[in-house]
N, C-alpha and C. Protein backbone atom coordinates (compact mmCIF):
# COMPACT_ATOMS: atom_id res chain seq x y z
N PHE A 1 -14.94 -17.26 -35.04
CA PHE A 1 -13.76 -16.51 -35.05
C PHE A 1 -13.70 -15.50 -36.20
N ALA A 2 -14.20 -15.97 -37.31
CA ALA A 2 -14.22 -15.10 -38.51
C ALA A 2 -15.11 -13.89 -38.28
N GLN A 3 -16.25 -14.04 -37.59
CA GLN A 3 -17.10 -12.91 -37.32
C GLN A 3 -16.42 -11.90 -36.46
N TYR A 4 -15.75 -12.31 -35.43
CA TYR A 4 -15.04 -11.35 -34.52
C TYR A 4 -13.96 -10.61 -35.31
N CYS A 5 -13.19 -11.37 -36.13
CA CYS A 5 -12.12 -10.69 -36.88
C CYS A 5 -12.70 -9.70 -37.86
N GLY A 6 -13.80 -10.08 -38.52
CA GLY A 6 -14.41 -9.15 -39.49
C GLY A 6 -14.91 -7.90 -38.82
N ILE A 7 -15.54 -8.04 -37.67
CA ILE A 7 -16.06 -6.85 -36.97
C ILE A 7 -14.87 -5.99 -36.48
N PHE A 8 -13.82 -6.62 -35.92
CA PHE A 8 -12.70 -5.84 -35.47
C PHE A 8 -11.98 -5.08 -36.58
N LEU A 9 -11.77 -5.79 -37.72
CA LEU A 9 -11.10 -5.11 -38.87
C LEU A 9 -11.99 -3.99 -39.42
N THR A 10 -13.27 -4.22 -39.58
CA THR A 10 -14.15 -3.23 -40.13
C THR A 10 -14.18 -2.01 -39.18
N SER A 11 -14.33 -2.20 -37.91
CA SER A 11 -14.35 -1.06 -37.00
C SER A 11 -13.05 -0.28 -36.95
N THR A 12 -11.94 -1.04 -37.13
CA THR A 12 -10.62 -0.41 -37.20
C THR A 12 -10.51 0.49 -38.43
N VAL A 13 -10.97 -0.03 -39.52
CA VAL A 13 -10.95 0.77 -40.78
C VAL A 13 -11.84 2.01 -40.65
N TYR A 14 -13.05 1.81 -40.04
CA TYR A 14 -13.90 3.00 -39.83
C TYR A 14 -13.19 4.06 -38.96
N PHE A 15 -12.48 3.54 -37.91
CA PHE A 15 -11.80 4.53 -37.00
C PHE A 15 -10.68 5.22 -37.73
N ILE A 16 -9.95 4.52 -38.53
CA ILE A 16 -8.89 5.16 -39.34
C ILE A 16 -9.43 6.20 -40.25
N ILE A 17 -10.51 5.87 -40.92
CA ILE A 17 -11.18 6.88 -41.82
C ILE A 17 -11.62 8.09 -41.00
N TYR A 18 -12.21 7.81 -39.89
CA TYR A 18 -12.63 8.95 -39.01
C TYR A 18 -11.47 9.82 -38.59
N CYS A 19 -10.34 9.19 -38.19
CA CYS A 19 -9.13 9.91 -37.81
C CYS A 19 -8.61 10.76 -38.92
N ILE A 20 -8.65 10.19 -40.15
CA ILE A 20 -8.19 10.96 -41.34
C ILE A 20 -9.12 12.15 -41.56
N ALA A 21 -10.42 11.93 -41.47
CA ALA A 21 -11.39 13.01 -41.68
C ALA A 21 -11.23 14.10 -40.64
N LYS A 22 -10.90 13.74 -39.41
CA LYS A 22 -10.67 14.77 -38.34
C LYS A 22 -9.28 15.27 -38.29
N LYS A 23 -8.46 14.91 -39.27
CA LYS A 23 -7.05 15.39 -39.34
C LYS A 23 -6.27 15.02 -38.08
N ASN A 24 -6.43 13.74 -37.74
CA ASN A 24 -5.69 13.10 -36.61
C ASN A 24 -6.04 13.77 -35.23
N LYS A 25 -7.24 14.29 -35.10
CA LYS A 25 -7.68 14.83 -33.87
C LYS A 25 -9.10 14.29 -33.57
N PRO A 26 -9.20 12.98 -33.31
CA PRO A 26 -10.54 12.44 -33.09
C PRO A 26 -11.09 12.86 -31.72
N VAL A 27 -12.42 12.95 -31.63
CA VAL A 27 -13.07 13.28 -30.37
C VAL A 27 -13.30 11.97 -29.64
N LEU A 28 -12.65 11.81 -28.54
CA LEU A 28 -12.84 10.62 -27.70
C LEU A 28 -13.29 10.99 -26.26
N TYR A 29 -14.19 10.24 -25.72
CA TYR A 29 -14.73 10.50 -24.40
C TYR A 29 -14.22 9.42 -23.48
N PRO A 30 -13.23 9.77 -22.59
CA PRO A 30 -12.63 8.76 -21.73
C PRO A 30 -13.62 7.99 -20.86
N LYS A 31 -14.69 8.62 -20.48
CA LYS A 31 -15.66 7.91 -19.60
C LYS A 31 -16.36 6.71 -20.27
N VAL A 32 -16.40 6.71 -21.59
CA VAL A 32 -17.13 5.67 -22.26
C VAL A 32 -16.21 4.50 -22.76
N ILE A 33 -14.92 4.66 -22.67
CA ILE A 33 -14.03 3.69 -23.21
C ILE A 33 -14.19 2.32 -22.46
N LEU A 34 -14.05 2.32 -21.14
CA LEU A 34 -14.22 1.03 -20.39
C LEU A 34 -15.57 0.44 -20.52
N PRO A 35 -16.66 1.18 -20.39
CA PRO A 35 -18.01 0.57 -20.64
C PRO A 35 -18.16 0.01 -22.03
N ALA A 36 -17.56 0.66 -23.02
CA ALA A 36 -17.67 0.18 -24.38
C ALA A 36 -16.87 -1.14 -24.53
N LEU A 37 -15.72 -1.21 -23.95
CA LEU A 37 -14.98 -2.45 -23.97
C LEU A 37 -15.70 -3.57 -23.24
N ALA A 38 -16.29 -3.24 -22.09
CA ALA A 38 -17.02 -4.24 -21.31
C ALA A 38 -18.26 -4.76 -22.12
N SER A 39 -18.96 -3.85 -22.77
CA SER A 39 -20.12 -4.32 -23.54
C SER A 39 -19.66 -5.16 -24.75
N GLY A 40 -18.46 -4.87 -25.31
CA GLY A 40 -17.95 -5.67 -26.40
C GLY A 40 -17.60 -7.07 -25.94
N VAL A 41 -16.99 -7.17 -24.73
CA VAL A 41 -16.68 -8.49 -24.22
C VAL A 41 -17.97 -9.26 -23.92
N MET A 42 -18.96 -8.60 -23.32
CA MET A 42 -20.24 -9.33 -23.06
C MET A 42 -20.86 -9.79 -24.33
N TRP A 43 -20.85 -8.94 -25.36
CA TRP A 43 -21.42 -9.32 -26.66
C TRP A 43 -20.68 -10.52 -27.23
N ALA A 44 -19.35 -10.51 -27.17
CA ALA A 44 -18.56 -11.63 -27.72
C ALA A 44 -18.90 -12.91 -26.96
N PHE A 45 -18.98 -12.86 -25.63
CA PHE A 45 -19.34 -14.06 -24.83
C PHE A 45 -20.71 -14.57 -25.22
N ALA A 46 -21.69 -13.62 -25.34
CA ALA A 46 -23.02 -14.05 -25.68
C ALA A 46 -23.10 -14.62 -27.10
N THR A 47 -22.39 -14.08 -28.01
CA THR A 47 -22.37 -14.59 -29.41
C THR A 47 -21.69 -16.00 -29.42
N GLY A 48 -20.61 -16.14 -28.65
CA GLY A 48 -19.98 -17.44 -28.55
C GLY A 48 -20.94 -18.49 -27.99
N CYS A 49 -21.72 -18.11 -27.01
CA CYS A 49 -22.73 -19.02 -26.41
C CYS A 49 -23.81 -19.35 -27.43
N TRP A 50 -24.17 -18.37 -28.22
CA TRP A 50 -25.14 -18.60 -29.26
C TRP A 50 -24.65 -19.64 -30.28
N PHE A 51 -23.40 -19.51 -30.70
CA PHE A 51 -22.81 -20.46 -31.63
C PHE A 51 -22.84 -21.87 -31.04
N ILE A 52 -22.48 -21.95 -29.78
CA ILE A 52 -22.46 -23.24 -29.11
C ILE A 52 -23.87 -23.84 -29.07
N SER A 53 -24.83 -23.04 -28.73
CA SER A 53 -26.25 -23.51 -28.63
C SER A 53 -26.76 -23.93 -30.02
N ASN A 54 -26.35 -23.20 -31.09
CA ASN A 54 -26.82 -23.55 -32.40
C ASN A 54 -26.20 -24.95 -32.81
N LYS A 55 -24.97 -25.15 -32.46
CA LYS A 55 -24.35 -26.46 -32.76
C LYS A 55 -24.99 -27.60 -31.96
N THR A 56 -25.31 -27.30 -30.68
CA THR A 56 -25.84 -28.36 -29.85
C THR A 56 -27.30 -28.66 -30.11
N LEU A 57 -28.13 -27.62 -30.29
CA LEU A 57 -29.58 -27.84 -30.42
C LEU A 57 -30.06 -27.83 -31.84
N SER A 58 -29.39 -27.23 -32.79
CA SER A 58 -29.78 -26.95 -34.15
C SER A 58 -30.43 -25.59 -34.19
N GLU A 59 -30.22 -24.91 -35.30
CA GLU A 59 -30.67 -23.51 -35.40
C GLU A 59 -32.16 -23.28 -35.22
N PRO A 60 -33.05 -24.12 -35.82
CA PRO A 60 -34.46 -23.88 -35.63
C PRO A 60 -34.95 -23.95 -34.19
N VAL A 61 -34.24 -24.72 -33.38
CA VAL A 61 -34.63 -24.80 -31.98
C VAL A 61 -33.96 -23.72 -31.13
N ALA A 62 -32.67 -23.46 -31.41
CA ALA A 62 -31.89 -22.50 -30.59
C ALA A 62 -32.33 -21.04 -30.86
N PHE A 63 -32.66 -20.73 -32.08
CA PHE A 63 -32.89 -19.32 -32.44
C PHE A 63 -34.06 -18.71 -31.62
N PRO A 64 -35.22 -19.35 -31.47
CA PRO A 64 -36.30 -18.76 -30.72
C PRO A 64 -35.96 -18.64 -29.23
N ILE A 65 -35.18 -19.58 -28.73
CA ILE A 65 -34.81 -19.49 -27.31
C ILE A 65 -33.88 -18.38 -27.03
N ILE A 66 -32.83 -18.21 -27.88
CA ILE A 66 -31.78 -17.21 -27.68
C ILE A 66 -32.39 -15.81 -27.95
N THR A 67 -33.22 -15.67 -28.93
CA THR A 67 -33.69 -14.34 -29.25
C THR A 67 -34.82 -13.85 -28.32
N THR A 68 -35.62 -14.74 -27.75
CA THR A 68 -36.71 -14.24 -26.88
C THR A 68 -36.38 -14.32 -25.42
N GLY A 69 -35.71 -15.34 -24.96
CA GLY A 69 -35.47 -15.53 -23.52
C GLY A 69 -34.76 -14.40 -22.84
N PRO A 70 -33.50 -14.14 -23.21
CA PRO A 70 -32.76 -13.10 -22.54
C PRO A 70 -33.38 -11.67 -22.70
N GLY A 71 -33.85 -11.38 -23.89
CA GLY A 71 -34.50 -10.05 -24.17
C GLY A 71 -35.70 -9.84 -23.35
N ALA A 72 -36.56 -10.87 -23.24
CA ALA A 72 -37.76 -10.79 -22.44
C ALA A 72 -37.44 -10.66 -20.97
N LEU A 73 -36.48 -11.45 -20.50
CA LEU A 73 -36.15 -11.34 -19.08
C LEU A 73 -35.52 -10.00 -18.73
N ALA A 74 -34.60 -9.51 -19.59
CA ALA A 74 -33.98 -8.26 -19.33
C ALA A 74 -34.99 -7.12 -19.38
N SER A 75 -35.86 -7.08 -20.35
CA SER A 75 -36.83 -5.99 -20.40
C SER A 75 -37.85 -6.11 -19.23
N LEU A 76 -38.10 -7.26 -18.73
CA LEU A 76 -39.00 -7.40 -17.61
C LEU A 76 -38.38 -6.70 -16.37
N PHE A 77 -37.12 -7.05 -16.09
CA PHE A 77 -36.47 -6.43 -14.91
C PHE A 77 -36.15 -4.99 -15.08
N TRP A 78 -35.66 -4.60 -16.27
CA TRP A 78 -35.35 -3.21 -16.50
C TRP A 78 -36.61 -2.33 -16.38
N GLY A 79 -37.67 -2.78 -16.99
CA GLY A 79 -38.93 -2.00 -17.01
C GLY A 79 -39.51 -1.90 -15.67
N LEU A 80 -39.45 -2.99 -14.84
CA LEU A 80 -40.09 -3.01 -13.54
C LEU A 80 -39.19 -2.28 -12.48
N PHE A 81 -37.93 -2.68 -12.39
CA PHE A 81 -37.14 -2.29 -11.26
C PHE A 81 -36.18 -1.07 -11.51
N ILE A 82 -35.63 -0.97 -12.72
CA ILE A 82 -34.65 0.10 -12.99
C ILE A 82 -35.38 1.38 -13.38
N PHE A 83 -36.20 1.33 -14.46
CA PHE A 83 -36.86 2.53 -15.01
C PHE A 83 -38.24 2.73 -14.40
N LYS A 84 -38.80 1.74 -13.71
CA LYS A 84 -40.15 1.83 -13.11
C LYS A 84 -41.18 2.29 -14.13
N GLU A 85 -41.10 1.70 -15.35
CA GLU A 85 -42.07 2.06 -16.38
C GLU A 85 -43.40 1.42 -16.20
N ILE A 86 -43.42 0.24 -15.61
CA ILE A 86 -44.66 -0.49 -15.39
C ILE A 86 -45.21 -0.21 -14.01
N LYS A 87 -46.34 0.38 -13.91
CA LYS A 87 -46.97 0.72 -12.61
C LYS A 87 -48.40 0.22 -12.60
N GLY A 88 -48.81 -0.14 -11.45
CA GLY A 88 -50.17 -0.63 -11.29
C GLY A 88 -50.28 -2.10 -11.34
N ARG A 89 -51.10 -2.72 -10.54
CA ARG A 89 -51.22 -4.16 -10.48
C ARG A 89 -51.66 -4.77 -11.83
N ARG A 90 -52.64 -4.14 -12.49
CA ARG A 90 -53.12 -4.68 -13.75
C ARG A 90 -52.02 -4.74 -14.78
N ASN A 91 -51.24 -3.69 -14.91
CA ASN A 91 -50.11 -3.68 -15.89
C ASN A 91 -49.05 -4.70 -15.59
N ILE A 92 -48.76 -4.88 -14.31
CA ILE A 92 -47.75 -5.85 -13.88
C ILE A 92 -48.27 -7.30 -14.23
N ILE A 93 -49.56 -7.55 -13.99
CA ILE A 93 -50.13 -8.82 -14.31
C ILE A 93 -50.05 -9.09 -15.85
N ILE A 94 -50.39 -8.06 -16.68
CA ILE A 94 -50.28 -8.21 -18.10
C ILE A 94 -48.84 -8.46 -18.52
N LEU A 95 -47.87 -7.80 -17.93
CA LEU A 95 -46.48 -7.98 -18.23
C LEU A 95 -46.07 -9.45 -17.89
N LEU A 96 -46.45 -9.91 -16.71
CA LEU A 96 -46.10 -11.28 -16.31
C LEU A 96 -46.74 -12.32 -17.15
N VAL A 97 -47.99 -12.10 -17.56
CA VAL A 97 -48.70 -13.03 -18.46
C VAL A 97 -47.97 -13.11 -19.83
N GLY A 98 -47.57 -11.94 -20.31
CA GLY A 98 -46.78 -11.94 -21.57
C GLY A 98 -45.46 -12.64 -21.44
N PHE A 99 -44.82 -12.43 -20.34
CA PHE A 99 -43.53 -13.12 -20.10
C PHE A 99 -43.71 -14.63 -19.98
N VAL A 100 -44.76 -15.05 -19.32
CA VAL A 100 -45.01 -16.53 -19.20
C VAL A 100 -45.28 -17.11 -20.57
N ILE A 101 -46.07 -16.41 -21.38
CA ILE A 101 -46.34 -16.88 -22.73
C ILE A 101 -45.10 -16.97 -23.54
N THR A 102 -44.23 -15.93 -23.45
CA THR A 102 -42.94 -15.95 -24.18
C THR A 102 -42.06 -17.09 -23.73
N ALA A 103 -41.94 -17.29 -22.39
CA ALA A 103 -41.13 -18.34 -21.85
C ALA A 103 -41.66 -19.74 -22.28
N THR A 104 -43.00 -19.88 -22.26
CA THR A 104 -43.60 -21.13 -22.65
C THR A 104 -43.25 -21.41 -24.12
N GLY A 105 -43.33 -20.46 -24.94
CA GLY A 105 -42.94 -20.63 -26.37
C GLY A 105 -41.50 -21.06 -26.58
N ALA A 106 -40.61 -20.42 -25.74
CA ALA A 106 -39.20 -20.78 -25.84
C ALA A 106 -38.93 -22.18 -25.38
N VAL A 107 -39.59 -22.59 -24.28
CA VAL A 107 -39.44 -23.97 -23.77
C VAL A 107 -40.00 -25.00 -24.73
N LEU A 108 -41.15 -24.67 -25.30
CA LEU A 108 -41.77 -25.61 -26.29
C LEU A 108 -40.85 -25.74 -27.54
N ALA A 109 -40.21 -24.63 -27.95
CA ALA A 109 -39.27 -24.71 -29.05
C ALA A 109 -38.12 -25.57 -28.71
N GLY A 110 -37.65 -25.47 -27.43
CA GLY A 110 -36.52 -26.23 -26.98
C GLY A 110 -36.79 -27.71 -26.90
N VAL A 111 -37.94 -28.08 -26.50
CA VAL A 111 -38.26 -29.56 -26.38
C VAL A 111 -38.78 -30.11 -27.71
N SER A 112 -38.97 -29.29 -28.69
CA SER A 112 -39.42 -29.76 -29.98
C SER A 112 -38.39 -30.59 -30.73
N LYS A 113 -37.16 -30.58 -30.28
CA LYS A 113 -36.08 -31.31 -31.00
C LYS A 113 -36.30 -32.79 -30.83
N SER A 114 -36.84 -33.21 -29.69
CA SER A 114 -37.00 -34.68 -29.45
C SER A 114 -38.21 -35.24 -30.10
């Protein structure tokens, strides 16, 4: 809770300073307000889940899983299907081998608690 309050207060202070510097005429883009709020809610939910996993598993076990798993999975799908950065059978195989190695490391870190 303290982290969320600190971030909210700090960003509010930054926005107030920005408004003062712009003489109460800040530049706002209406198209980005809802996506920005949605990304903030997703970040808050993910951070809350991270705190819960750290409490449940202990930090040395939870940290490798949380930092590698979602990022590796997201970059795998974004790179392959959204941006189509990875082309060719050889490159896809290399990507999948790297993902399997990363996932194996995360699983081994998870079972190392016992």
